Amino acid sequence: MSSDVAEILAAAARGAFPPPDGSTTVVPQPGPRDAGVLAFTAHSVVFTDADPEWVRAALAATSSDPLAASMNPGFLLALMARTGRHMNTIDLLTVADALPGPPPLELREIDDPGHPRVARALKFRDDVRVWAADGGVLVLGRGVAGRWEAAIEVDEEVRHRGLGRALATAARHLTPGEVVWAQQAPGNARSVRVFQAAGYRPVASEALLVAG
């Protein structure tokens, strides 16, 4: 298993990004489950077990600004066809430092593998834990390259009361790692605002390719 993606993410979490030189780094997948693309400022990282020469040729053949080629639908479609994978969306990837002490929010842990949020999380993450609050759910688990990832869900009837920000902040207290990551669809402006209000920093865009 390759540690290249883990090292790139750990550096980015510290604020040490790949050089903004317009190039693309191609590295092996961190494991069988995870493949995809990270687009930092003027530098992309493609993590796949596909032939690196094929990746570079496909990027060069993409009809777009070279800086945007790695997130161009044409390239992503070609990469999915090459690897036999599919994807859901391009996300904004954010990260926040862990916080000390227990979260300032009353939570109860859900230990039920049949729970819909648990079942869905287990498809994409390892070591999944789920907590419930009145009107919301927080999921923590190990995702790409073993990073700790958080996801939240807030019931419609209790929105606009700060629960989403409280759950996102709680993840910073509960993560076993030094940082916690979260993805938001850029069009979901409400989610983007919630995580940034909870102290999550934008790092990159990310397209994950899912097997099966």
Protein backbone atom coordinates (compact mmCIF):
# COMPACT_ATOMS: atom_id res chain seq x y z
CA MET A 1 0.00 0.00 0.00
CA SER A 2 1.34 3.39 -1.02
CA SER A 3 1.82 6.18 1.53
CA ASP A 4 2.22 8.90 -1.12
CA VAL A 5 -1.33 10.28 -0.81
CA ALA A 6 -1.18 10.22 2.99
CA GLU A 7 2.06 12.21 2.92
CA ILE A 8 0.63 14.76 0.46
CA LEU A 9 -2.50 15.21 2.59
CA ALA A 10 -0.55 15.49 5.84
CA ALA A 11 1.63 18.19 4.32
CA ALA A 12 -1.40 20.07 2.98
CA ALA A 13 -3.01 19.96 6.42
CA ARG A 14 0.10 21.74 7.73
CA GLY A 15 -0.16 24.33 4.96
CA ALA A 16 2.66 22.84 2.85
CA PHE A 17 1.05 22.44 -0.56
CA PRO A 18 2.47 20.97 -3.79
CA PRO A 19 4.29 23.58 -5.88
CA PRO A 20 1.89 25.75 -7.95
CA ASP A 21 3.79 24.97 -11.14
CA GLY A 22 0.93 23.74 -13.31
CA SER A 23 2.08 20.14 -13.20
CA THR A 24 0.36 16.88 -12.26
CA THR A 25 1.74 14.28 -9.87
CA VAL A 26 0.65 10.69 -10.51
CA VAL A 27 0.97 8.31 -7.56
CA PRO A 28 -0.32 4.80 -6.76
CA GLN A 29 -3.59 4.29 -4.94
CA PRO A 30 -3.24 4.25 -1.15
CA GLY A 31 -5.25 1.01 -1.15
CA PRO A 32 -7.68 -1.02 -3.26
CA ARG A 33 -10.72 1.07 -2.30
CA ASP A 34 -9.56 4.61 -3.00
CA ALA A 35 -8.66 6.19 -6.32
CA GLY A 36 -9.25 9.70 -7.56
CA VAL A 37 -7.96 13.19 -8.17
CA LEU A 38 -6.93 16.05 -5.90
CA ALA A 39 -6.66 19.52 -7.44
CA PHE A 40 -4.65 22.01 -5.39
CA THR A 41 -3.74 25.51 -6.54
CA ALA A 42 -2.06 25.02 -9.95
CA HIS A 43 -1.07 21.44 -9.12
CA SER A 44 -3.03 18.19 -9.37
CA VAL A 45 -2.49 14.77 -7.84
CA VAL A 46 -3.97 11.72 -9.55
CA PHE A 47 -3.92 8.63 -7.34
CA THR A 48 -4.61 5.54 -9.38
CA ASP A 49 -3.09 2.20 -10.28
CA ALA A 50 -3.65 2.99 -13.95
CA ASP A 51 -0.52 3.42 -16.09
CA PRO A 52 0.96 6.88 -15.31
CA GLU A 53 1.88 7.37 -18.98
CA TRP A 54 -1.74 6.77 -19.95
CA VAL A 55 -2.86 9.31 -17.31
CA ARG A 56 -0.51 11.96 -18.69
CA ALA A 57 -1.57 11.28 -22.27
CA ALA A 58 -5.25 11.52 -21.30
CA LEU A 59 -4.63 14.82 -19.53
CA ALA A 60 -2.78 16.20 -22.55
CA ALA A 61 -5.67 15.18 -24.82
CA THR A 62 -8.27 16.94 -22.66
CA SER A 63 -9.78 19.99 -24.38
CA SER A 64 -9.50 22.47 -21.53
CA ASP A 65 -7.09 24.83 -19.83
CA PRO A 66 -4.23 22.54 -18.71
CA LEU A 67 -4.62 23.83 -15.15
CA ALA A 68 -8.20 22.52 -15.13
CA ALA A 69 -7.62 19.30 -17.07
CA SER A 70 -7.56 16.96 -14.06
CA MET A 71 -11.09 18.02 -13.06
CA ASN A 72 -12.44 18.26 -16.59
CA PRO A 73 -15.41 15.89 -17.16
CA GLY A 74 -13.74 14.50 -20.27
CA PHE A 75 -10.65 13.38 -18.36
CA LEU A 76 -12.67 12.05 -15.41
CA LEU A 77 -14.88 10.03 -17.78
CA ALA A 78 -11.81 8.59 -19.47
CA LEU A 79 -10.28 7.71 -16.08
CA MET A 80 -13.50 6.03 -14.95
CA ALA A 81 -13.66 4.01 -18.16
CA ARG A 82 -10.01 3.01 -17.81
CA THR A 83 -10.37 1.90 -14.18
CA GLY A 84 -13.93 0.54 -14.27
CA ARG A 85 -14.99 2.93 -11.52
CA HIS A 86 -17.66 5.59 -11.10
CA MET A 87 -17.94 8.81 -9.12
CA ASN A 88 -20.61 10.86 -7.41
CA THR A 89 -19.42 14.46 -7.52
CA ILE A 90 -16.45 16.80 -7.23
CA ASP A 91 -16.14 17.95 -3.62
CA LEU A 92 -14.46 20.78 -1.80
CA LEU A 93 -11.95 19.16 0.57
CA THR A 94 -11.50 20.90 3.92
CA VAL A 95 -9.49 20.20 7.07
CA ALA A 96 -9.48 21.36 10.69
CA ASP A 97 -7.15 20.81 13.64
CA ALA A 98 -8.29 18.60 16.49
CA LEU A 99 -9.56 20.34 19.63
CA PRO A 100 -8.94 19.20 23.21
CA GLY A 101 -11.55 17.91 25.61
CA PRO A 102 -15.06 16.62 25.08
CA PRO A 103 -17.40 18.32 22.60
CA PRO A 104 -19.68 21.04 24.02
CA LEU A 105 -22.71 19.17 22.69
CA GLU A 106 -24.70 16.29 24.13
CA LEU A 107 -24.24 13.25 21.88
CA ARG A 108 -25.19 9.59 22.13
CA GLU A 109 -23.24 6.99 20.17
CA ILE A 110 -25.12 4.75 17.75
CA ASP A 111 -23.79 1.19 17.70
CA ASP A 112 -26.02 -0.27 15.01
CA PRO A 113 -24.47 -1.47 11.72
CA GLY A 114 -27.96 -1.50 10.21
CA HIS A 115 -28.55 2.18 10.82
CA PRO A 116 -28.75 3.95 7.41
CA ARG A 117 -25.97 6.42 8.23
CA VAL A 118 -23.72 3.68 9.57
CA ALA A 119 -24.38 1.39 6.60
CA ARG A 120 -23.60 4.15 4.10
CA ALA A 121 -20.45 5.25 5.93
CA LEU A 122 -19.11 1.69 5.97
CA LYS A 123 -19.05 1.70 2.16
CA PHE A 124 -16.48 4.51 2.11
CA ARG A 125 -14.73 4.46 5.49
CA ASP A 126 -13.16 2.15 8.05
CA ASP A 127 -13.38 2.34 11.86
CA VAL A 128 -16.71 4.13 11.57
CA ARG A 129 -18.36 5.68 14.64
CA VAL A 130 -21.67 7.53 14.63
CA TRP A 131 -23.19 9.87 17.20
CA ALA A 132 -26.68 11.31 17.33
CA ALA A 133 -27.87 14.62 18.75
CA ASP A 134 -31.41 15.89 18.90
CA GLY A 135 -32.09 16.52 15.22
CA GLY A 136 -28.67 15.58 13.84
CA VAL A 137 -26.03 12.90 13.22
CA LEU A 138 -22.23 12.98 13.20
CA VAL A 139 -20.14 10.32 11.44
CA LEU A 140 -16.39 9.81 11.91
CA GLY A 141 -14.30 7.25 10.07
CA ARG A 142 -11.07 6.58 8.22
CA GLY A 143 -11.37 7.46 4.55
CA VAL A 144 -8.81 8.12 1.81
CA ALA A 145 -5.28 7.11 2.82
CA GLY A 146 -6.48 6.50 6.38
CA ARG A 147 -7.40 10.11 7.06
CA TRP A 148 -10.10 10.79 9.66
CA GLU A 149 -13.19 12.18 7.93
CA ALA A 150 -16.34 13.76 9.37
CA ALA A 151 -19.82 13.97 7.89
CA ILE A 152 -22.91 15.49 9.43
CA GLU A 153 -26.63 15.46 8.81
CA VAL A 154 -29.20 17.88 10.25
CA ASP A 155 -32.95 17.38 10.14
CA GLU A 156 -34.78 20.02 8.12
CA GLU A 157 -37.02 21.10 10.98
CA VAL A 158 -34.06 22.11 13.19
CA ARG A 159 -31.94 23.87 10.59
CA HIS A 160 -30.70 27.45 11.07
CA ARG A 161 -30.20 26.94 14.80
CA GLY A 162 -26.45 26.28 14.80
CA LEU A 163 -26.67 22.49 15.13
CA GLY A 164 -24.67 21.83 11.96
CA ARG A 165 -21.80 24.00 13.15
CA ALA A 166 -21.96 22.35 16.60
CA LEU A 167 -21.74 18.88 15.05
CA ALA A 168 -18.85 19.88 12.77
CA THR A 169 -17.06 21.35 15.80
CA ALA A 170 -17.78 18.20 17.83
CA ALA A 171 -15.91 16.19 15.19
CA ARG A 172 -12.80 18.24 15.98
CA HIS A 173 -13.06 17.14 19.63
CA LEU A 174 -13.82 13.50 18.86
CA THR A 175 -11.28 12.77 16.11
CA PRO A 176 -8.45 10.45 17.21
CA GLY A 177 -6.14 12.19 14.73
CA GLU A 178 -4.30 15.50 14.78
CA VAL A 179 -6.72 16.81 12.15
CA VAL A 180 -10.12 15.91 10.76
CA TRP A 181 -11.16 16.18 7.12
CA ALA A 182 -14.56 16.87 5.56
CA GLN A 183 -15.88 17.09 2.02
CA GLN A 184 -18.65 19.39 0.83
CA ALA A 185 -20.26 19.60 -2.59
CA PRO A 186 -19.46 23.17 -3.74
CA GLY A 187 -23.09 23.73 -4.72
CA ASN A 188 -24.20 22.92 -1.18
CA ALA A 189 -23.42 26.41 0.03
CA ARG A 190 -25.12 25.80 3.37
CA SER A 191 -22.77 22.90 4.12
CA VAL A 192 -19.73 24.87 2.97
CA ARG A 193 -20.65 27.74 5.28
CA VAL A 194 -21.27 25.40 8.22
CA PHE A 195 -17.87 23.72 8.04
CA GLN A 196 -15.98 26.95 7.48
CA ALA A 197 -17.80 28.50 10.45
CA ALA A 198 -16.59 25.50 12.49
CA GLY A 199 -12.98 26.24 11.52
CA TYR A 200 -12.43 23.93 8.54
CA ARG A 201 -9.99 25.30 5.95
CA PRO A 202 -10.39 24.76 2.18
CA VAL A 203 -7.49 22.65 0.87
CA ALA A 204 -8.35 21.28 -2.57
CA SER A 205 -11.07 19.92 -4.81
CA GLU A 206 -11.44 16.15 -4.82
CA ALA A 207 -13.00 13.60 -7.15
CA LEU A 208 -13.18 10.12 -5.68
CA LEU A 209 -13.59 7.15 -8.00
CA VAL A 210 -15.65 4.37 -6.46
CA ALA A 211 -15.21 0.71 -7.32
CA GLY A 212 -18.16 -1.52 -8.11
